[in-house]
Amino acid sequence: MMGVKPLGLVLAGGLARRMGGGDKARIRIGNATILERVLARLAPQCAGLILNANGDPARFADSGLAVVPDSVPGFAGPLAGILAGLDWAAAERPEVIDVLSVPGDCPFLPDDLAARLAAARTQAGVPIACARSGDWRHPVVALWPVALREDLRHALVVEDLHKIEIWTARHGVVTVDWPTVPVDPFFNVNTPEDVTAAQRMAAEAGL
C-alpha cells in the first residue's frame, strides 16, 4: 500500500574510485547533472528527499537537502547509508513508514519506482522490494521499512554484515522487473566510458 509516501534516500556516499574520485552525482548528462535528474524523478514519488554522503556536507548545500553521513565508520557500504536514512526518517519524519533508496549515479530512474515496489511488496507479503532490469538485480534500488532499522544496525555493527542480499533474504524480499528499452532505468555511471554511453542514451531517447 502507498498510503504514506516513502522518504527518498539518494546514496551518494561512494568513493567513485573508477571515476578517479569526486562526486559522480555532479556529472552532467545532457542538460542536467545526474543528481538533478535523480531528484527530479524521485521528488513526485516521495514525501521528501535526503542525501546520504560522507565527507564535507557543504558540497551538496546547493541541493537544499539534508545530508546524512553514515553512522557506521569506515565506508561500510550501501547498507550503512540505508541505515543512516532509516535513522533520519525515524528521528525527523516519524510519520514516514518506508524509505526508498536509489544510488546517486543512475540518471534514468523510472517514474513508477515507488508505486511498483510498494504494490509488489504488498502482493508478495514481504517487507522489502528491490528492482531488477534485464539480468541484473539492483539491491540498493529498494523500499525499506523504517521498522527494520534496529535489526539492520545489529547486522552491521555486531555481525559485521555488509552484503545487502544476505540481510534482505532474512526478512523476505520481492524483486520487480523493469524493461531495459529504450534505456535501462537503472543504468549507473561508474566509469568515463559510462558517461559517454549515458550521454548517447539520453540524446537518442530524448531524456
N, C-alpha and C. Protein backbone atom coordinates (compact mmCIF):
# COMPACT_ATOMS: atom_id res chain seq x y z
N MET A 1 0.84 -1.18 0.00
CA MET A 1 0.00 0.00 0.00
C MET A 1 0.88 1.25 0.00
N MET A 2 0.37 2.30 -0.57
CA MET A 2 1.12 3.55 -0.65
C MET A 2 0.36 4.67 0.06
N GLY A 3 -0.13 4.38 1.28
CA GLY A 3 -0.87 5.41 1.99
C GLY A 3 -0.01 6.63 2.27
N VAL A 4 1.15 6.39 2.87
CA VAL A 4 2.12 7.45 3.13
C VAL A 4 3.28 7.27 2.17
N LYS A 5 3.61 8.33 1.46
CA LYS A 5 4.74 8.21 0.52
C LYS A 5 6.03 7.94 1.29
N PRO A 6 6.97 7.22 0.67
CA PRO A 6 8.24 6.97 1.35
C PRO A 6 9.12 8.21 1.36
N LEU A 7 10.10 8.20 2.22
CA LEU A 7 11.18 9.18 2.17
C LEU A 7 12.17 8.71 1.11
N GLY A 8 12.56 9.60 0.22
CA GLY A 8 13.54 9.26 -0.80
C GLY A 8 14.95 9.46 -0.28
N LEU A 9 15.78 8.44 -0.44
CA LEU A 9 17.16 8.46 0.03
C LEU A 9 18.10 8.25 -1.15
N VAL A 10 18.90 9.27 -1.46
CA VAL A 10 19.86 9.17 -2.56
C VAL A 10 21.22 8.83 -1.96
N LEU A 11 21.74 7.68 -2.36
CA LEU A 11 23.01 7.19 -1.82
C LEU A 11 24.15 7.77 -2.65
N ALA A 12 24.77 8.80 -2.10
CA ALA A 12 25.87 9.47 -2.81
C ALA A 12 27.15 9.38 -2.00
N GLY A 13 27.27 8.34 -1.19
CA GLY A 13 28.40 8.23 -0.27
C GLY A 13 29.56 7.41 -0.79
N GLY A 14 29.51 6.95 -2.05
CA GLY A 14 30.58 6.12 -2.58
C GLY A 14 31.86 6.88 -2.80
N LEU A 15 32.93 6.14 -3.01
CA LEU A 15 34.25 6.76 -3.18
C LEU A 15 34.57 7.08 -4.63
N ALA A 16 33.77 6.58 -5.58
CA ALA A 16 33.95 6.90 -7.01
C ALA A 16 35.36 6.60 -7.48
N ARG A 17 35.92 5.48 -7.04
CA ARG A 17 37.30 5.16 -7.41
C ARG A 17 37.48 5.04 -8.93
N ARG A 18 36.49 4.42 -9.59
CA ARG A 18 36.66 4.19 -11.03
C ARG A 18 36.53 5.47 -11.85
N MET A 19 36.04 6.53 -11.20
CA MET A 19 35.98 7.82 -11.88
C MET A 19 37.15 8.71 -11.47
N GLY A 20 38.08 8.16 -10.68
CA GLY A 20 39.20 8.96 -10.22
C GLY A 20 38.85 9.83 -9.03
N GLY A 21 37.80 9.47 -8.29
CA GLY A 21 37.37 10.24 -7.14
C GLY A 21 36.36 11.31 -7.52
N GLY A 22 35.92 12.07 -6.51
CA GLY A 22 34.94 13.12 -6.76
C GLY A 22 33.52 12.60 -6.64
N ASP A 23 32.56 13.47 -6.90
CA ASP A 23 31.15 13.12 -6.76
C ASP A 23 30.55 12.80 -8.13
N LYS A 24 30.24 11.52 -8.33
CA LYS A 24 29.65 11.13 -9.61
C LYS A 24 28.34 11.85 -9.86
N ALA A 25 27.62 12.17 -8.78
CA ALA A 25 26.31 12.80 -8.92
C ALA A 25 26.39 14.15 -9.63
N ARG A 26 27.58 14.74 -9.66
CA ARG A 26 27.76 16.06 -10.27
C ARG A 26 28.03 15.99 -11.77
N ILE A 27 28.21 14.81 -12.30
CA ILE A 27 28.49 14.67 -13.72
C ILE A 27 27.26 15.08 -14.53
N ARG A 28 27.49 15.83 -15.57
CA ARG A 28 26.38 16.34 -16.39
C ARG A 28 26.07 15.36 -17.51
N ILE A 29 24.80 14.99 -17.60
CA ILE A 29 24.29 14.14 -18.69
C ILE A 29 23.26 14.97 -19.43
N GLY A 30 23.59 15.38 -20.65
CA GLY A 30 22.68 16.26 -21.36
C GLY A 30 22.61 17.61 -20.66
N ASN A 31 21.39 18.05 -20.37
CA ASN A 31 21.20 19.40 -19.82
C ASN A 31 21.11 19.42 -18.30
N ALA A 32 21.42 18.32 -17.62
CA ALA A 32 21.31 18.29 -16.16
C ALA A 32 22.34 17.34 -15.58
N THR A 33 22.73 17.59 -14.33
CA THR A 33 23.62 16.64 -13.66
C THR A 33 22.84 15.37 -13.30
N ILE A 34 23.59 14.33 -13.00
CA ILE A 34 22.93 13.09 -12.60
C ILE A 34 22.09 13.33 -11.35
N LEU A 35 22.64 14.09 -10.40
CA LEU A 35 21.88 14.36 -9.17
C LEU A 35 20.59 15.12 -9.47
N GLU A 36 20.67 16.11 -10.33
CA GLU A 36 19.46 16.86 -10.69
C GLU A 36 18.42 15.94 -11.32
N ARG A 37 18.88 15.02 -12.14
CA ARG A 37 17.96 14.06 -12.77
C ARG A 37 17.33 13.12 -11.74
N VAL A 38 18.16 12.64 -10.82
CA VAL A 38 17.65 11.74 -9.77
C VAL A 38 16.60 12.45 -8.92
N LEU A 39 16.90 13.66 -8.49
CA LEU A 39 15.97 14.38 -7.61
C LEU A 39 14.67 14.71 -8.33
N ALA A 40 14.77 15.11 -9.60
CA ALA A 40 13.56 15.45 -10.35
C ALA A 40 12.67 14.23 -10.53
N ARG A 41 13.25 13.07 -10.72
CA ARG A 41 12.45 11.86 -10.92
C ARG A 41 11.87 11.34 -9.62
N LEU A 42 12.62 11.50 -8.52
CA LEU A 42 12.16 10.97 -7.24
C LEU A 42 11.15 11.86 -6.53
N ALA A 43 11.32 13.17 -6.65
CA ALA A 43 10.53 14.10 -5.83
C ALA A 43 9.03 13.84 -5.88
N PRO A 44 8.42 13.63 -7.06
CA PRO A 44 6.97 13.41 -7.06
C PRO A 44 6.54 12.10 -6.40
N GLN A 45 7.49 11.17 -6.25
CA GLN A 45 7.16 9.85 -5.72
C GLN A 45 7.34 9.76 -4.20
N CYS A 46 7.93 10.79 -3.59
CA CYS A 46 8.36 10.69 -2.21
C CYS A 46 7.80 11.82 -1.34
N ALA A 47 7.79 11.56 -0.03
CA ALA A 47 7.32 12.55 0.94
C ALA A 47 8.39 13.59 1.24
N GLY A 48 9.58 13.35 0.76
CA GLY A 48 10.71 14.24 0.98
C GLY A 48 11.95 13.52 0.50
N LEU A 49 13.06 14.24 0.38
CA LEU A 49 14.30 13.65 -0.12
C LEU A 49 15.45 14.02 0.80
N ILE A 50 16.36 13.07 0.99
CA ILE A 50 17.61 13.33 1.70
C ILE A 50 18.75 12.68 0.93
N LEU A 51 19.97 13.15 1.22
CA LEU A 51 21.18 12.60 0.62
C LEU A 51 21.99 11.89 1.67
N ASN A 52 22.48 10.71 1.34
CA ASN A 52 23.49 10.06 2.18
C ASN A 52 24.84 10.30 1.53
N ALA A 53 25.71 11.02 2.22
CA ALA A 53 27.05 11.29 1.70
C ALA A 53 28.00 11.48 2.87
N ASN A 54 29.23 11.04 2.67
CA ASN A 54 30.26 11.20 3.68
C ASN A 54 31.19 12.34 3.27
N GLY A 55 31.98 12.82 4.22
CA GLY A 55 32.83 13.96 3.93
C GLY A 55 32.09 15.26 4.20
N ASP A 56 32.55 16.33 3.60
CA ASP A 56 32.01 17.66 3.85
C ASP A 56 30.61 17.80 3.24
N PRO A 57 29.57 17.95 4.07
CA PRO A 57 28.22 18.04 3.52
C PRO A 57 27.98 19.33 2.74
N ALA A 58 28.85 20.34 2.95
CA ALA A 58 28.64 21.63 2.29
C ALA A 58 28.70 21.51 0.77
N ARG A 59 29.35 20.46 0.27
CA ARG A 59 29.46 20.34 -1.19
C ARG A 59 28.10 20.05 -1.84
N PHE A 60 27.12 19.67 -1.04
CA PHE A 60 25.78 19.45 -1.56
C PHE A 60 24.79 20.53 -1.08
N ALA A 61 25.32 21.61 -0.55
CA ALA A 61 24.45 22.64 0.03
C ALA A 61 23.47 23.20 -1.01
N ASP A 62 23.89 23.26 -2.26
CA ASP A 62 23.03 23.84 -3.28
C ASP A 62 21.79 23.00 -3.56
N SER A 63 21.81 21.73 -3.12
CA SER A 63 20.63 20.87 -3.34
C SER A 63 19.49 21.25 -2.40
N GLY A 64 19.80 21.92 -1.29
CA GLY A 64 18.79 22.27 -0.31
C GLY A 64 18.32 21.09 0.53
N LEU A 65 18.99 19.94 0.41
CA LEU A 65 18.55 18.74 1.11
C LEU A 65 19.41 18.47 2.34
N ALA A 66 18.81 17.77 3.31
CA ALA A 66 19.60 17.28 4.44
C ALA A 66 20.61 16.28 3.93
N VAL A 67 21.85 16.39 4.39
CA VAL A 67 22.91 15.46 4.02
C VAL A 67 23.24 14.63 5.25
N VAL A 68 23.03 13.33 5.15
CA VAL A 68 23.14 12.43 6.29
C VAL A 68 24.33 11.50 6.07
N PRO A 69 25.36 11.56 6.92
CA PRO A 69 26.51 10.67 6.76
C PRO A 69 26.23 9.29 7.34
N ASP A 70 27.07 8.33 6.96
CA ASP A 70 26.99 7.01 7.57
C ASP A 70 27.21 7.14 9.07
N SER A 71 26.47 6.34 9.84
CA SER A 71 26.70 6.29 11.28
C SER A 71 27.68 5.17 11.62
N VAL A 72 27.90 4.25 10.69
CA VAL A 72 28.87 3.17 10.87
C VAL A 72 30.16 3.61 10.20
N PRO A 73 31.28 3.63 10.91
CA PRO A 73 32.51 4.19 10.34
C PRO A 73 33.15 3.28 9.30
N GLY A 74 34.07 3.86 8.54
CA GLY A 74 34.92 3.08 7.65
C GLY A 74 34.31 2.75 6.31
N PHE A 75 33.46 3.58 5.77
CA PHE A 75 32.84 3.32 4.47
C PHE A 75 32.30 1.89 4.41
N ALA A 76 31.31 1.65 5.25
CA ALA A 76 30.78 0.30 5.44
C ALA A 76 29.87 -0.17 4.32
N GLY A 77 29.73 0.63 3.26
CA GLY A 77 28.96 0.20 2.11
C GLY A 77 27.54 0.69 2.12
N PRO A 78 26.75 0.27 1.12
CA PRO A 78 25.40 0.79 0.96
C PRO A 78 24.49 0.55 2.16
N LEU A 79 24.65 -0.58 2.84
CA LEU A 79 23.76 -0.83 3.99
C LEU A 79 23.93 0.24 5.07
N ALA A 80 25.14 0.77 5.20
CA ALA A 80 25.36 1.83 6.19
C ALA A 80 24.60 3.09 5.78
N GLY A 81 24.59 3.38 4.48
CA GLY A 81 23.82 4.52 4.00
C GLY A 81 22.33 4.34 4.19
N ILE A 82 21.87 3.12 3.97
CA ILE A 82 20.44 2.83 4.16
C ILE A 82 20.07 2.96 5.63
N LEU A 83 20.93 2.46 6.51
CA LEU A 83 20.68 2.61 7.95
C LEU A 83 20.62 4.09 8.33
N ALA A 84 21.53 4.89 7.79
CA ALA A 84 21.53 6.32 8.09
C ALA A 84 20.21 6.96 7.66
N GLY A 85 19.70 6.54 6.51
CA GLY A 85 18.42 7.07 6.04
C GLY A 85 17.25 6.63 6.91
N LEU A 86 17.27 5.38 7.33
CA LEU A 86 16.20 4.87 8.20
C LEU A 86 16.22 5.61 9.55
N ASP A 87 17.42 5.82 10.08
CA ASP A 87 17.54 6.53 11.35
C ASP A 87 17.05 7.97 11.22
N TRP A 88 17.41 8.64 10.13
CA TRP A 88 16.98 10.02 9.93
C TRP A 88 15.46 10.08 9.82
N ALA A 89 14.88 9.15 9.08
CA ALA A 89 13.42 9.12 8.94
C ALA A 89 12.75 8.95 10.29
N ALA A 90 13.27 8.04 11.12
CA ALA A 90 12.67 7.79 12.43
C ALA A 90 12.73 9.03 13.31
N ALA A 91 13.83 9.77 13.21
CA ALA A 91 14.01 10.93 14.08
C ALA A 91 13.30 12.17 13.56
N GLU A 92 13.35 12.39 12.25
CA GLU A 92 12.89 13.65 11.67
C GLU A 92 11.53 13.58 11.00
N ARG A 93 11.15 12.41 10.53
CA ARG A 93 9.88 12.25 9.83
C ARG A 93 9.17 11.01 10.35
N PRO A 94 8.75 11.02 11.61
CA PRO A 94 8.20 9.81 12.23
C PRO A 94 6.94 9.29 11.56
N GLU A 95 6.28 10.14 10.76
CA GLU A 95 5.08 9.66 10.05
C GLU A 95 5.42 8.78 8.86
N VAL A 96 6.68 8.82 8.43
CA VAL A 96 7.11 8.03 7.27
C VAL A 96 7.33 6.58 7.69
N ILE A 97 6.78 5.66 6.92
CA ILE A 97 6.87 4.24 7.25
C ILE A 97 8.02 3.57 6.51
N ASP A 98 8.33 4.05 5.30
CA ASP A 98 9.32 3.42 4.44
C ASP A 98 10.31 4.42 3.90
N VAL A 99 11.46 3.91 3.52
CA VAL A 99 12.48 4.69 2.82
C VAL A 99 12.72 4.04 1.46
N LEU A 100 12.73 4.86 0.42
CA LEU A 100 13.03 4.41 -0.94
C LEU A 100 14.45 4.84 -1.26
N SER A 101 15.36 3.87 -1.41
CA SER A 101 16.76 4.21 -1.67
C SER A 101 17.09 4.01 -3.14
N VAL A 102 17.93 4.92 -3.64
CA VAL A 102 18.45 4.82 -5.00
C VAL A 102 19.90 5.28 -4.98
N PRO A 103 20.72 4.77 -5.91
CA PRO A 103 22.09 5.28 -5.99
C PRO A 103 22.10 6.65 -6.63
N GLY A 104 23.12 7.42 -6.28
CA GLY A 104 23.23 8.76 -6.84
C GLY A 104 23.88 8.81 -8.19
N ASP A 105 24.03 7.65 -8.85
CA ASP A 105 24.69 7.62 -10.16
C ASP A 105 23.82 7.03 -11.25
N CYS A 106 22.49 7.03 -11.05
CA CYS A 106 21.55 6.48 -12.03
C CYS A 106 20.73 7.62 -12.65
N PRO A 107 21.07 8.07 -13.85
CA PRO A 107 20.40 9.26 -14.40
C PRO A 107 19.02 9.02 -15.00
N PHE A 108 18.59 7.75 -15.13
CA PHE A 108 17.35 7.48 -15.87
C PHE A 108 16.30 6.74 -15.05
N LEU A 109 16.20 7.04 -13.77
CA LEU A 109 15.28 6.31 -12.88
C LEU A 109 13.84 6.37 -13.38
N PRO A 110 13.05 5.31 -13.14
CA PRO A 110 11.65 5.30 -13.59
C PRO A 110 10.75 6.14 -12.71
N ASP A 111 9.67 6.65 -13.29
CA ASP A 111 8.76 7.50 -12.51
C ASP A 111 7.71 6.69 -11.77
N ASP A 112 7.72 5.36 -11.93
CA ASP A 112 6.78 4.50 -11.21
C ASP A 112 7.50 3.62 -10.19
N LEU A 113 8.69 4.03 -9.78
CA LEU A 113 9.51 3.19 -8.92
C LEU A 113 8.84 2.90 -7.57
N ALA A 114 8.44 3.96 -6.87
CA ALA A 114 7.86 3.77 -5.54
C ALA A 114 6.57 2.97 -5.60
N ALA A 115 5.71 3.30 -6.54
CA ALA A 115 4.40 2.65 -6.62
C ALA A 115 4.53 1.16 -6.94
N ARG A 116 5.40 0.82 -7.89
CA ARG A 116 5.53 -0.59 -8.28
C ARG A 116 6.21 -1.42 -7.20
N LEU A 117 7.21 -0.86 -6.54
CA LEU A 117 7.85 -1.59 -5.45
C LEU A 117 6.86 -1.83 -4.31
N ALA A 118 6.09 -0.81 -3.96
CA ALA A 118 5.13 -0.95 -2.87
C ALA A 118 4.06 -1.97 -3.20
N ALA A 119 3.55 -1.93 -4.44
CA ALA A 119 2.50 -2.88 -4.84
C ALA A 119 3.01 -4.31 -4.82
N ALA A 120 4.22 -4.52 -5.31
CA ALA A 120 4.77 -5.87 -5.35
C ALA A 120 5.03 -6.40 -3.94
N ARG A 121 5.48 -5.54 -3.08
CA ARG A 121 5.75 -5.95 -1.71
C ARG A 121 4.47 -6.36 -1.00
N THR A 122 3.42 -5.58 -1.20
CA THR A 122 2.14 -5.91 -0.59
C THR A 122 1.60 -7.23 -1.13
N GLN A 123 1.69 -7.39 -2.44
CA GLN A 123 1.17 -8.62 -3.05
C GLN A 123 1.93 -9.85 -2.59
N ALA A 124 3.25 -9.71 -2.41
CA ALA A 124 4.08 -10.84 -2.01
C ALA A 124 4.04 -11.09 -0.50
N GLY A 125 3.58 -10.10 0.26
CA GLY A 125 3.53 -10.25 1.70
C GLY A 125 4.89 -10.26 2.37
N VAL A 126 5.84 -9.50 1.79
CA VAL A 126 7.19 -9.39 2.36
C VAL A 126 7.49 -7.93 2.64
N PRO A 127 8.47 -7.65 3.52
CA PRO A 127 8.70 -6.26 3.92
C PRO A 127 9.55 -5.43 2.97
N ILE A 128 10.32 -6.08 2.09
CA ILE A 128 11.29 -5.36 1.26
C ILE A 128 11.04 -5.66 -0.21
N ALA A 129 11.18 -4.66 -1.06
CA ALA A 129 11.10 -4.86 -2.51
C ALA A 129 12.29 -4.17 -3.15
N CYS A 130 12.90 -4.84 -4.16
CA CYS A 130 14.00 -4.24 -4.88
C CYS A 130 13.78 -4.38 -6.37
N ALA A 131 14.54 -3.61 -7.14
CA ALA A 131 14.35 -3.54 -8.59
C ALA A 131 15.31 -4.48 -9.32
N ARG A 132 14.88 -4.84 -10.54
CA ARG A 132 15.73 -5.60 -11.45
C ARG A 132 15.45 -5.12 -12.87
N SER A 133 16.49 -5.12 -13.68
CA SER A 133 16.32 -4.81 -15.10
C SER A 133 17.20 -5.76 -15.89
N GLY A 134 16.62 -6.39 -16.91
CA GLY A 134 17.37 -7.40 -17.64
C GLY A 134 17.79 -8.52 -16.71
N ASP A 135 19.06 -8.85 -16.74
CA ASP A 135 19.59 -9.93 -15.89
C ASP A 135 20.15 -9.42 -14.57
N TRP A 136 19.99 -8.13 -14.31
CA TRP A 136 20.66 -7.53 -13.15
C TRP A 136 19.67 -7.13 -12.06
N ARG A 137 19.94 -7.64 -10.85
CA ARG A 137 19.23 -7.14 -9.68
C ARG A 137 19.93 -5.88 -9.18
N HIS A 138 19.14 -4.97 -8.63
CA HIS A 138 19.67 -3.72 -8.11
C HIS A 138 19.28 -3.61 -6.64
N PRO A 139 20.02 -4.27 -5.76
CA PRO A 139 19.58 -4.37 -4.36
C PRO A 139 19.54 -3.04 -3.62
N VAL A 140 20.23 -2.00 -4.13
CA VAL A 140 20.13 -0.71 -3.43
C VAL A 140 19.00 0.15 -3.97
N VAL A 141 18.35 -0.29 -5.04
CA VAL A 141 17.12 0.38 -5.51
C VAL A 141 15.97 -0.37 -4.87
N ALA A 142 15.56 0.10 -3.71
CA ALA A 142 14.67 -0.73 -2.90
C ALA A 142 13.83 0.11 -1.94
N LEU A 143 12.77 -0.53 -1.46
CA LEU A 143 11.86 0.05 -0.48
C LEU A 143 12.07 -0.68 0.84
N TRP A 144 12.39 0.10 1.87
CA TRP A 144 12.78 -0.46 3.18
C TRP A 144 11.87 0.06 4.28
N PRO A 145 11.33 -0.82 5.13
CA PRO A 145 10.56 -0.36 6.28
C PRO A 145 11.47 0.26 7.34
N VAL A 146 11.08 1.41 7.84
CA VAL A 146 11.84 2.05 8.93
C VAL A 146 11.89 1.12 10.14
N ALA A 147 10.88 0.28 10.30
CA ALA A 147 10.81 -0.62 11.45
C ALA A 147 11.95 -1.63 11.51
N LEU A 148 12.66 -1.83 10.40
CA LEU A 148 13.75 -2.80 10.39
C LEU A 148 15.10 -2.20 10.76
N ARG A 149 15.12 -0.93 11.18
CA ARG A 149 16.42 -0.27 11.33
C ARG A 149 17.26 -0.86 12.46
N GLU A 150 16.65 -1.28 13.55
CA GLU A 150 17.48 -1.83 14.64
C GLU A 150 18.05 -3.19 14.26
N ASP A 151 17.30 -3.97 13.50
CA ASP A 151 17.82 -5.24 13.02
C ASP A 151 19.00 -5.00 12.07
N LEU A 152 18.86 -4.00 11.21
CA LEU A 152 19.94 -3.67 10.29
C LEU A 152 21.17 -3.17 11.05
N ARG A 153 20.95 -2.37 12.07
CA ARG A 153 22.09 -1.88 12.88
C ARG A 153 22.84 -3.06 13.51
N HIS A 154 22.09 -4.01 14.03
CA HIS A 154 22.71 -5.19 14.64
C HIS A 154 23.53 -5.95 13.61
N ALA A 155 22.98 -6.12 12.41
CA ALA A 155 23.69 -6.84 11.36
C ALA A 155 25.00 -6.14 11.00
N LEU A 156 24.97 -4.82 10.92
CA LEU A 156 26.16 -4.06 10.53
C LEU A 156 27.18 -3.98 11.65
N VAL A 157 26.73 -3.65 12.85
CA VAL A 157 27.65 -3.34 13.95
C VAL A 157 28.12 -4.60 14.67
N VAL A 158 27.19 -5.52 14.94
CA VAL A 158 27.53 -6.71 15.72
C VAL A 158 28.02 -7.84 14.82
N GLU A 159 27.31 -8.06 13.70
CA GLU A 159 27.68 -9.17 12.82
C GLU A 159 28.71 -8.80 11.76
N ASP A 160 28.94 -7.49 11.57
CA ASP A 160 29.84 -7.02 10.52
C ASP A 160 29.39 -7.53 9.14
N LEU A 161 28.08 -7.50 8.93
CA LEU A 161 27.49 -7.98 7.67
C LEU A 161 27.32 -6.79 6.73
N HIS A 162 27.83 -6.94 5.52
CA HIS A 162 27.76 -5.83 4.57
C HIS A 162 27.11 -6.19 3.24
N LYS A 163 26.78 -7.47 3.05
CA LYS A 163 26.17 -7.86 1.78
C LYS A 163 24.66 -7.71 1.88
N ILE A 164 24.12 -6.83 1.06
CA ILE A 164 22.70 -6.48 1.15
C ILE A 164 21.82 -7.71 1.02
N GLU A 165 22.11 -8.55 0.03
CA GLU A 165 21.17 -9.63 -0.27
C GLU A 165 21.14 -10.72 0.78
N ILE A 166 22.19 -10.83 1.58
CA ILE A 166 22.14 -11.77 2.71
C ILE A 166 21.15 -11.24 3.75
N TRP A 167 21.23 -9.94 4.01
CA TRP A 167 20.35 -9.38 5.02
C TRP A 167 18.89 -9.34 4.56
N THR A 168 18.65 -8.94 3.32
CA THR A 168 17.26 -8.86 2.86
C THR A 168 16.61 -10.25 2.81
N ALA A 169 17.40 -11.27 2.50
CA ALA A 169 16.85 -12.63 2.42
C ALA A 169 16.32 -13.10 3.78
N ARG A 170 16.89 -12.59 4.84
CA ARG A 170 16.41 -12.97 6.18
C ARG A 170 14.98 -12.52 6.42
N HIS A 171 14.63 -11.39 5.82
CA HIS A 171 13.33 -10.77 6.12
C HIS A 171 12.29 -11.06 5.04
N GLY A 172 12.75 -11.31 3.83
CA GLY A 172 11.84 -11.54 2.71
C GLY A 172 11.88 -10.35 1.77
N VAL A 173 12.20 -10.61 0.51
CA VAL A 173 12.31 -9.53 -0.47
C VAL A 173 11.70 -10.00 -1.78
N VAL A 174 10.98 -9.11 -2.44
CA VAL A 174 10.42 -9.39 -3.75
C VAL A 174 11.16 -8.52 -4.77
N THR A 175 11.41 -9.09 -5.95
CA THR A 175 12.12 -8.37 -7.00
C THR A 175 11.14 -7.96 -8.08
N VAL A 176 11.24 -6.72 -8.52
CA VAL A 176 10.32 -6.16 -9.51
C VAL A 176 11.10 -5.83 -10.77
N ASP A 177 10.59 -6.27 -11.92
CA ASP A 177 11.30 -6.11 -13.19
C ASP A 177 10.88 -4.85 -13.93
N TRP A 178 11.88 -4.18 -14.50
CA TRP A 178 11.64 -3.07 -15.43
C TRP A 178 12.27 -3.39 -16.78
N PRO A 179 11.66 -2.93 -17.87
CA PRO A 179 12.25 -3.15 -19.19
C PRO A 179 13.53 -2.33 -19.35
N THR A 180 14.38 -2.78 -20.25
CA THR A 180 15.66 -2.09 -20.47
C THR A 180 15.64 -1.26 -21.76
N VAL A 181 14.48 -1.14 -22.38
CA VAL A 181 14.36 -0.30 -23.58
C VAL A 181 13.30 0.77 -23.33
N PRO A 182 13.45 1.98 -23.85
CA PRO A 182 14.55 2.43 -24.71
C PRO A 182 15.88 2.59 -23.97
N VAL A 183 15.84 2.76 -22.65
CA VAL A 183 17.08 2.75 -21.85
C VAL A 183 16.83 1.95 -20.59
N ASP A 184 17.92 1.40 -20.05
CA ASP A 184 17.83 0.72 -18.76
C ASP A 184 17.65 1.81 -17.69
N PRO A 185 16.53 1.79 -16.95
CA PRO A 185 16.29 2.85 -15.98
C PRO A 185 17.28 2.86 -14.82
N PHE A 186 18.03 1.76 -14.69
CA PHE A 186 18.98 1.66 -13.59
C PHE A 186 20.43 1.64 -14.08
N PHE A 187 20.62 2.09 -15.32
CA PHE A 187 21.99 2.25 -15.83
C PHE A 187 22.74 3.18 -14.89
N ASN A 188 23.91 2.72 -14.42
CA ASN A 188 24.65 3.57 -13.49
C ASN A 188 26.00 3.95 -14.07
N VAL A 189 26.42 5.14 -13.70
CA VAL A 189 27.63 5.74 -14.25
C VAL A 189 28.79 5.49 -13.28
N ASN A 190 29.68 4.58 -13.68
CA ASN A 190 30.82 4.23 -12.83
C ASN A 190 32.16 4.61 -13.43
N THR A 191 32.22 4.71 -14.75
CA THR A 191 33.49 4.95 -15.44
C THR A 191 33.32 6.08 -16.45
N PRO A 192 34.41 6.63 -16.94
CA PRO A 192 34.29 7.63 -18.01
C PRO A 192 33.56 7.10 -19.24
N GLU A 193 33.73 5.81 -19.51
CA GLU A 193 33.02 5.21 -20.65
C GLU A 193 31.52 5.20 -20.42
N ASP A 194 31.12 5.01 -19.16
CA ASP A 194 29.69 5.05 -18.83
C ASP A 194 29.11 6.45 -19.05
N VAL A 195 29.91 7.46 -18.77
CA VAL A 195 29.44 8.83 -19.00
C VAL A 195 29.12 9.03 -20.48
N THR A 196 30.04 8.57 -21.33
CA THR A 196 29.83 8.69 -22.79
C THR A 196 28.58 7.93 -23.21
N ALA A 197 28.42 6.72 -22.67
CA ALA A 197 27.24 5.92 -23.03
C ALA A 197 25.96 6.60 -22.56
N ALA A 198 25.97 7.15 -21.36
CA ALA A 198 24.77 7.82 -20.84
C ALA A 198 24.44 9.05 -21.67
N GLN A 199 25.45 9.79 -22.10
CA GLN A 199 25.22 10.96 -22.95
C GLN A 199 24.51 10.53 -24.24
N ARG A 200 24.99 9.45 -24.81
CA ARG A 200 24.41 8.94 -26.07
C ARG A 200 22.97 8.47 -25.85
N MET A 201 22.75 7.72 -24.76
CA MET A 201 21.42 7.21 -24.46
C MET A 201 20.44 8.34 -24.23
N ALA A 202 20.87 9.37 -23.50
CA ALA A 202 19.98 10.50 -23.22
C ALA A 202 19.60 11.21 -24.51
N ALA A 203 20.58 11.37 -25.39
CA ALA A 203 20.30 12.06 -26.66
C ALA A 203 19.37 11.25 -27.53
N GLU A 204 19.63 9.95 -27.64
CA GLU A 204 18.83 9.10 -28.53
C GLU A 204 17.39 8.95 -28.03
N ALA A 205 17.21 8.89 -26.71
CA ALA A 205 15.88 8.66 -26.13
C ALA A 205 15.17 9.98 -25.79
N GLY A 206 15.85 11.08 -26.01
CA GLY A 206 15.24 12.37 -25.70
C GLY A 206 15.03 12.59 -24.22
N LEU A 207 15.96 12.10 -23.41
CA LEU A 207 15.82 12.18 -21.95
C LEU A 207 16.69 13.29 -21.39
